[in-house]
C-alpha atoms as a PDB file:
ATOM      1  CA  MET A   1       7.156 -14.906 -68.649  1.00  0.00           C
ATOM      2  CA  SER A   2       6.097 -12.395 -65.955  1.00  0.00           C
ATOM      3  CA  GLU A   3       8.042 -11.604 -62.754  1.00  0.00           C
ATOM      4  CA  THR A   4       6.400 -11.195 -59.346  1.00  0.00           C
ATOM      5  CA  PRO A   5       6.910  -7.612 -58.117  1.00  0.00           C
ATOM      6  CA  ALA A   6       9.273  -7.464 -55.113  1.00  0.00           C
ATOM      7  CA  LYS A   7       7.500  -6.507 -51.882  1.00  0.00           C
ATOM      8  CA  ALA A   8       8.914  -3.608 -49.864  1.00  0.00           C
ATOM      9  CA  PHE A   9      10.677  -4.717 -46.679  1.00  0.00           C
ATOM     10  CA  LEU A  10       9.335  -1.834 -44.558  1.00  0.00           C
ATOM     11  CA  ARG A  11       5.611  -2.082 -45.145  1.00  0.00           C
ATOM     12  CA  PRO A  12       3.261   0.134 -43.048  1.00  0.00           C
ATOM     13  CA  GLY A  13       2.240  -2.757 -40.799  1.00  0.00           C
ATOM     14  CA  LYS A  14       5.837  -3.737 -40.103  1.00  0.00           C
ATOM     15  CA  MET A  15       6.826  -0.122 -39.452  1.00  0.00           C
ATOM     16  CA  LEU A  16       3.996   0.220 -36.925  1.00  0.00           C
ATOM     17  CA  LEU A  17       5.084  -2.982 -35.187  1.00  0.00           C
ATOM     18  CA  LEU A  18       8.700  -1.806 -35.020  1.00  0.00           C
ATOM     19  CA  ALA A  19       7.624   1.560 -33.624  1.00  0.00           C
ATOM     20  CA  PHE A  20       5.521  -0.149 -30.939  1.00  0.00           C
ATOM     21  CA  ALA A  21       8.415  -2.440 -30.018  1.00  0.00           C
ATOM     22  CA  GLY A  22      10.748   0.566 -29.782  1.00  0.00           C
ATOM     23  CA  VAL A  23       8.393   2.424 -27.440  1.00  0.00           C
ATOM     24  CA  LEU A  24       7.964  -0.692 -25.283  1.00  0.00           C
ATOM     25  CA  ILE A  25      11.727  -1.214 -25.005  1.00  0.00           C
ATOM     26  CA  TYR A  26      12.170   2.466 -24.109  1.00  0.00           C
ATOM     27  CA  LEU A  27       9.560   2.256 -21.336  1.00  0.00           C
ATOM     28  CA  LEU A  28      11.102  -0.945 -19.951  1.00  0.00           C
ATOM     29  CA  ALA A  29      14.519   0.693 -19.945  1.00  0.00           C
ATOM     30  CA  LEU A  30      13.096   3.630 -17.969  1.00  0.00           C
ATOM     31  CA  VAL A  31      11.618   1.314 -15.360  1.00  0.00           C
ATOM     32  CA  VAL A  32      14.739  -0.851 -15.027  1.00  0.00           C
ATOM     33  CA  PHE A  33      17.547   1.709 -15.260  1.00  0.00           C
ATOM     34  CA  VAL A  34      16.231   5.165 -14.302  1.00  0.00           C
ATOM     35  CA  PRO A  35      17.029   6.077 -10.654  1.00  0.00           C
ATOM     36  CA  ALA A  36      13.891   6.357  -8.558  1.00  0.00           C
ATOM     37  CA  GLY A  37      15.263   9.445  -6.786  1.00  0.00           C
ATOM     38  CA  TRP A  38      15.697  11.330 -10.053  1.00  0.00           C
ATOM     39  CA  LEU A  39      12.200  10.403 -11.219  1.00  0.00           C
ATOM     40  CA  TRP A  40      10.637  11.462  -7.898  1.00  0.00           C
ATOM     41  CA  HIS A  41      12.501  14.797  -8.086  1.00  0.00           C
ATOM     42  CA  GLN A  42      10.967  15.410 -11.503  1.00  0.00           C
ATOM     43  CA  ALA A  43       7.451  14.263 -10.568  1.00  0.00           C
ATOM     44  CA  SER A  44       7.120  15.486  -6.956  1.00  0.00           C
ATOM     45  CA  ALA A  45       5.900  18.934  -8.006  1.00  0.00           C
ATOM     46  CA  TYR A  46       2.930  17.320  -9.769  1.00  0.00           C
ATOM     47  CA  VAL A  47       2.004  14.825  -6.990  1.00  0.00           C
ATOM     48  CA  ALA A  48      -0.483  16.138  -4.413  1.00  0.00           C
ATOM     49  CA  LEU A  49       0.340  14.537  -1.053  1.00  0.00           C
ATOM     50  CA  PRO A  50      -1.525  15.249   2.209  1.00  0.00           C
ATOM     51  CA  PRO A  51       0.250  17.955   4.254  1.00  0.00           C
ATOM     52  CA  GLU A  52       1.178  15.449   6.979  1.00  0.00           C
ATOM     53  CA  VAL A  53       3.070  13.228   4.506  1.00  0.00           C
ATOM     54  CA  GLN A  54       6.633  14.003   3.369  1.00  0.00           C
ATOM     55  CA  VAL A  55       8.829  11.851   1.129  1.00  0.00           C
ATOM     56  CA  SER A  56      12.621  11.935   1.248  1.00  0.00           C
ATOM     57  CA  GLN A  57      15.713   9.793   0.633  1.00  0.00           C
ATOM     58  CA  VAL A  58      14.358   7.992  -2.422  1.00  0.00           C
ATOM     59  CA  SER A  59      16.876   5.371  -3.584  1.00  0.00           C
ATOM     60  CA  GLY A  60      17.146   2.395  -5.934  1.00  0.00           C
ATOM     61  CA  ARG A  61      15.434   2.074  -9.295  1.00  0.00           C
ATOM     62  CA  VAL A  62      11.841   2.502 -10.387  1.00  0.00           C
ATOM     63  CA  TRP A  63      11.591  -1.297 -10.628  1.00  0.00           C
ATOM     64  CA  SER A  64      12.937  -1.885  -7.115  1.00  0.00           C
ATOM     65  CA  GLY A  65      13.603   0.878  -4.622  1.00  0.00           C
ATOM     66  CA  ALA A  66      13.078   2.417  -1.214  1.00  0.00           C
ATOM     67  CA  ALA A  67      12.087   5.749   0.278  1.00  0.00           C
ATOM     68  CA  GLY A  68      11.952   7.480   3.627  1.00  0.00           C
ATOM     69  CA  VAL A  69       8.442   8.677   4.469  1.00  0.00           C
ATOM     70  CA  VAL A  70       7.322  10.835   7.385  1.00  0.00           C
ATOM     71  CA  VAL A  71       3.623  10.546   8.261  1.00  0.00           C
ATOM     72  CA  ALA A  72       2.292  12.888  10.968  1.00  0.00           C
ATOM     73  CA  GLY A  73       5.812  13.154  12.375  1.00  0.00           C
ATOM     74  CA  TYR A  74       6.507   9.393  12.370  1.00  0.00           C
ATOM     75  CA  PRO A  75       9.460   8.256  10.206  1.00  0.00           C
ATOM     76  CA  LEU A  76       8.776   5.170   8.084  1.00  0.00           C
ATOM     77  CA  ARG A  77      10.699   3.240   5.453  1.00  0.00           C
ATOM     78  CA  LEU A  78       8.908   2.122   2.293  1.00  0.00           C
ATOM     79  CA  GLU A  79      10.366  -0.542   0.001  1.00  0.00           C
ATOM     80  CA  TRP A  80       8.799  -1.735  -3.256  1.00  0.00           C
ATOM     81  CA  GLN A  81       9.320  -4.241  -6.051  1.00  0.00           C
ATOM     82  CA  LEU A  82       7.319  -4.021  -9.265  1.00  0.00           C
ATOM     83  CA  GLY A  83       6.039  -7.202 -10.882  1.00  0.00           C
ATOM     84  CA  ALA A  84       5.324  -7.942 -14.525  1.00  0.00           C
ATOM     85  CA  PRO A  85       2.280  -5.978 -15.769  1.00  0.00           C
ATOM     86  CA  SER A  86      -0.832  -7.992 -16.609  1.00  0.00           C
ATOM     87  CA  VAL A  87      -2.012  -7.177 -20.123  1.00  0.00           C
ATOM     88  CA  SER A  88      -5.237  -9.176 -19.770  1.00  0.00           C
ATOM     89  CA  GLY A  89      -6.096  -7.663 -16.389  1.00  0.00           C
ATOM     90  CA  LEU A  90      -4.685  -4.191 -17.202  1.00  0.00           C
ATOM     91  CA  SER A  91      -2.973  -4.068 -13.807  1.00  0.00           C
ATOM     92  CA  LEU A  92       0.476  -3.651 -12.278  1.00  0.00           C
ATOM     93  CA  PRO A  93       1.421  -5.784  -9.234  1.00  0.00           C
ATOM     94  CA  VAL A  94       3.668  -4.221  -6.585  1.00  0.00           C
ATOM     95  CA  ASP A  95       5.183  -5.990  -3.570  1.00  0.00           C
ATOM     96  CA  PHE A  96       5.822  -3.598  -0.684  1.00  0.00           C
ATOM     97  CA  SER A  97       6.929  -3.347   2.930  1.00  0.00           C
ATOM     98  CA  LEU A  98       6.359  -0.410   5.282  1.00  0.00           C
ATOM     99  CA  SER A  99       8.312  -0.400   8.530  1.00  0.00           C
ATOM    100  CA  SER A 100       9.195   1.796  11.481  1.00  0.00           C
ATOM    101  CA  SER A 101      11.578   1.151  14.365  1.00  0.00           C
ATOM    102  CA  GLN A 102       9.198  -1.394  15.972  1.00  0.00           C
ATOM    103  CA  SER A 103       6.344  -2.037  13.514  1.00  0.00           C
ATOM    104  CA  SER A 104       6.129  -3.522  10.042  1.00  0.00           C
ATOM    105  CA  VAL A 105       3.417  -4.176   7.457  1.00  0.00           C
ATOM    106  CA  GLY A 106       3.977  -5.870   4.110  1.00  0.00           C
ATOM    107  CA  GLY A 107       2.096  -7.383   1.236  1.00  0.00           C
ATOM    108  CA  ASN A 108       1.193  -6.568  -2.326  1.00  0.00           C
ATOM    109  CA  VAL A 109      -0.906  -4.072  -4.257  1.00  0.00           C
ATOM    110  CA  SER A 110      -2.477  -4.555  -7.667  1.00  0.00           C
ATOM    111  CA  LEU A 111      -2.942  -1.191  -9.412  1.00  0.00           C
ATOM    112  CA  GLY A 112      -5.437  -0.919 -12.261  1.00  0.00           C
ATOM    113  CA  TRP A 113      -5.096   1.499 -15.163  1.00  0.00           C
ATOM    114  CA  GLN A 114      -8.386   3.273 -14.344  1.00  0.00           C
ATOM    115  CA  GLY A 115      -7.826   4.035 -10.664  1.00  0.00           C
ATOM    116  CA  ALA A 116      -8.978   0.664  -9.332  1.00  0.00           C
ATOM    117  CA  GLY A 117      -6.803  -1.481  -7.101  1.00  0.00           C
ATOM    118  CA  THR A 118      -6.536  -4.205  -4.474  1.00  0.00           C
ATOM    119  CA  LEU A 119      -4.388  -4.323  -1.333  1.00  0.00           C
ATOM    120  CA  ASN A 120      -3.421  -7.542   0.468  1.00  0.00           C
ATOM    121  CA  ALA A 121      -1.323  -7.024   3.600  1.00  0.00           C
ATOM    122  CA  SER A 122      -0.366  -8.367   7.032  1.00  0.00           C
ATOM    123  CA  GLY A 123       2.013  -7.327   9.796  1.00  0.00           C
ATOM    124  CA  ASP A 124       2.568  -6.258  13.399  1.00  0.00           C
ATOM    125  CA  LEU A 125       1.995  -2.861  15.013  1.00  0.00           C
ATOM    126  CA  ALA A 126       3.696  -1.798  18.251  1.00  0.00           C
ATOM    127  CA  VAL A 127       1.081   0.440  19.860  1.00  0.00           C
ATOM    128  CA  VAL A 128       3.643   2.146  22.119  1.00  0.00           C
ATOM    129  CA  GLU A 129       5.128   3.823  19.033  1.00  0.00           C
ATOM    130  CA  PHE A 130       1.895   5.696  18.389  1.00  0.00           C
ATOM    131  CA  GLU A 131       0.868   6.361  21.983  1.00  0.00           C
ATOM    132  CA  ASP A 132       1.329  10.144  21.761  1.00  0.00           C
ATOM    133  CA  LEU A 133      -0.763  10.354  18.597  1.00  0.00           C
ATOM    134  CA  ILE A 134      -3.512   8.196  20.127  1.00  0.00           C
ATOM    135  CA  ARG A 135      -3.636  10.273  23.309  1.00  0.00           C
ATOM    136  CA  ARG A 136      -3.752  13.571  21.357  1.00  0.00           C
ATOM    137  CA  SER A 137      -6.775  12.259  19.461  1.00  0.00           C
ATOM    138  CA  GLY A 138      -8.491  11.212  22.713  1.00  0.00           C
ATOM    139  CA  GLY A 139      -8.380   7.487  21.988  1.00  0.00           C
ATOM    140  CA  ALA A 140      -7.746   4.512  24.233  1.00  0.00           C
ATOM    141  CA  VAL A 141      -4.212   3.148  24.516  1.00  0.00           C
ATOM    142  CA  ILE A 142      -3.566  -0.579  24.732  1.00  0.00           C
ATOM    143  CA  GLU A 143      -0.316  -2.218  25.766  1.00  0.00           C
ATOM    144  CA  GLY A 144       1.566  -4.675  23.602  1.00  0.00           C
ATOM    145  CA  ASP A 145       1.363  -5.332  19.874  1.00  0.00           C
ATOM    146  CA  VAL A 146      -1.520  -5.725  17.424  1.00  0.00           C
ATOM    147  CA  THR A 147      -1.104  -8.486  14.821  1.00  0.00           C
ATOM    148  CA  ILE A 148      -2.769  -8.011  11.439  1.00  0.00           C
ATOM    149  CA  ASP A 149      -3.330 -11.527  10.113  1.00  0.00           C
ATOM    150  CA  ARG A 150      -5.135 -10.397   6.977  1.00  0.00           C
ATOM    151  CA  LEU A 151      -6.148  -7.087   5.438  1.00  0.00           C
ATOM    152  CA  VAL A 152      -7.714  -7.063   1.977  1.00  0.00           C
ATOM    153  CA  LEU A 153      -9.065  -3.827   0.495  1.00  0.00           C
ATOM    154  CA  SER A 154     -10.392  -3.113  -2.990  1.00  0.00           C
ATOM    155  CA  TRP A 155     -11.204   0.354  -4.292  1.00  0.00           C
ATOM    156  CA  GLN A 156     -12.499   2.091  -7.354  1.00  0.00           C
ATOM    157  CA  ASP A 157     -13.371   5.728  -8.115  1.00  0.00           C
ATOM    158  CA  ASN A 158     -11.734   6.890  -4.846  1.00  0.00           C
ATOM    159  CA  ARG A 159     -13.919   4.705  -2.620  1.00  0.00           C
ATOM    160  CA  VAL A 160     -13.490   1.335  -0.941  1.00  0.00           C
ATOM    161  CA  THR A 161     -15.628  -1.300  -2.640  1.00  0.00           C
ATOM    162  CA  GLN A 162     -14.647  -4.369  -0.599  1.00  0.00           C
ATOM    163  CA  ALA A 163     -12.959  -4.973   2.758  1.00  0.00           C
ATOM    164  CA  ASP A 164     -11.906  -8.111   4.598  1.00  0.00           C
ATOM    165  CA  GLY A 165      -9.584  -8.293   7.578  1.00  0.00           C
ATOM    166  CA  VAL A 166      -8.639 -10.114  10.770  1.00  0.00           C
ATOM    167  CA  GLY A 167      -6.490  -8.778  13.613  1.00  0.00           C
ATOM    168  CA  ARG A 168      -5.484  -9.967  17.099  1.00  0.00           C
ATOM    169  CA  TRP A 169      -4.352  -8.470  20.398  1.00  0.00           C
ATOM    170  CA  ALA A 170      -2.998 -10.585  23.246  1.00  0.00           C
ATOM    171  CA  GLY A 171      -4.817  -8.592  25.920  1.00  0.00           C
ATOM    172  CA  GLY A 172      -3.583  -6.442  28.794  1.00  0.00           C
ATOM    173  CA  GLN A 173      -4.154  -3.030  30.262  1.00  0.00           C
ATOM    174  CA  VAL A 174      -6.187  -0.380  28.445  1.00  0.00           C
ATOM    175  CA  THR A 175      -6.172   3.288  29.471  1.00  0.00           C
ATOM    176  CA  TRP A 176      -8.414   6.105  28.259  1.00  0.00           C
ATOM    177  CA  PRO A 177      -9.094   9.770  29.157  1.00  0.00           C
ATOM    178  CA  MET A 178     -11.898  10.504  31.640  1.00  0.00           C
ATOM    179  CA  GLY A 179     -12.079  14.279  32.038  1.00  0.00           C
ATOM    180  CA  ASN A 180      -9.041  15.263  34.110  1.00  0.00           C
ATOM    181  CA  ASN A 181      -8.411  11.654  35.082  1.00  0.00           C
ATOM    182  CA  VAL A 182      -7.407   8.458  33.303  1.00  0.00           C
ATOM    183  CA  GLY A 183      -9.541   5.335  33.327  1.00  0.00           C
ATOM    184  CA  GLN A 184      -7.976   1.911  33.075  1.00  0.00           C
ATOM    185  CA  ALA A 185      -8.998  -1.735  32.957  1.00  0.00           C
ATOM    186  CA  ASP A 186      -7.549  -5.130  32.090  1.00  0.00           C
ATOM    187  CA  PHE A 187      -8.920  -6.758  28.966  1.00  0.00           C
ATOM    188  CA  PRO A 188      -8.705 -10.368  27.785  1.00  0.00           C
ATOM    189  CA  PRO A 189      -7.239 -11.283  24.371  1.00  0.00           C
ATOM    190  CA  MET A 190      -9.316  -9.618  21.663  1.00  0.00           C
ATOM    191  CA  ARG A 191     -10.015 -10.277  17.992  1.00  0.00           C
ATOM    192  CA  ALA A 192     -11.112  -7.772  15.341  1.00  0.00           C
ATOM    193  CA  THR A 193     -12.813  -8.611  12.043  1.00  0.00           C
ATOM    194  CA  MET A 194     -13.599  -6.273   9.176  1.00  0.00           C
ATOM    195  CA  ASP A 195     -16.159  -6.989   6.461  1.00  0.00           C
ATOM    196  CA  SER A 196     -18.011  -5.196   3.703  1.00  0.00           C
ATOM    197  CA  THR A 197     -21.688  -4.411   4.241  1.00  0.00           C
ATOM    198  CA  ALA A 198     -24.425  -2.781   2.209  1.00  0.00           C
ATOM    199  CA  ASP A 199     -23.821   0.453   4.152  1.00  0.00           C
ATOM    200  CA  GLY A 200     -20.017   0.446   3.993  1.00  0.00           C
ATOM    201  CA  ILE A 201     -17.510  -1.314   6.233  1.00  0.00           C
ATOM    202  CA  ALA A 202     -18.217  -3.061   9.553  1.00  0.00           C
ATOM    203  CA  LEU A 203     -15.502  -3.496  12.200  1.00  0.00           C
ATOM    204  CA  VAL A 204     -16.345  -5.931  15.016  1.00  0.00           C
ATOM    205  CA  VAL A 205     -14.110  -6.315  18.098  1.00  0.00           C
ATOM    206  CA  SER A 206     -14.782  -9.213  20.448  1.00  0.00           C
ATOM    207  CA  GLU A 207     -13.056 -11.461  22.970  1.00  0.00           C
ATOM    208  CA  GLN A 208     -11.039 -14.239  21.373  1.00  0.00           C
ATOM    209  CA  GLY A 209     -12.963 -17.468  21.690  1.00  0.00           C
ATOM    210  CA  GLY A 210     -15.958 -15.668  23.222  1.00  0.00           C
ATOM    211  CA  GLY A 211     -19.404 -14.975  21.863  1.00  0.00           C
ATOM    212  CA  GLY A 212     -19.682 -11.343  22.967  1.00  0.00           C
END
């Protein structure tokens, strides 16, 4: 009468599975428990930001946190919340909000593993906050707020591949530089649409409800 040889409990396949599970648990623990400020302190030396962007006051966890950001001299507050990664889509969803003292934009970003991504956002911009920056660049200044109803951007390989957006302005006075003088005029409510074209991105501004 022969006996069946006992199988080893830790077979190579099971050891590989246990090792993978251990690495996954370790990574999840990092995301959930590691302070975002500590991680940014470690990684900031390796992140190349534009010279006009500074990050400070990082708080919370990697999974859900906030940071103070200064862009071209304007202080902003960024808050984020990571979602569950998509294994099938190889992407990481992130809910975010970016706000200043009078403006706010929020939405979500889907980040792909190979540099691709999609942004979906909406919000309100108080133009008066950025009046100095607009005037220094020689642009026209409008009064009141601009409402972003929809802004959808997709990118891959450091270029925008798709754009779709709608914005509104309630109308009012517009001023712009004219040599040593300032031109001004009253405009009706305006609507802006952004779409992808074969040549890039098209932005069309027209009167709300009008055909021009």
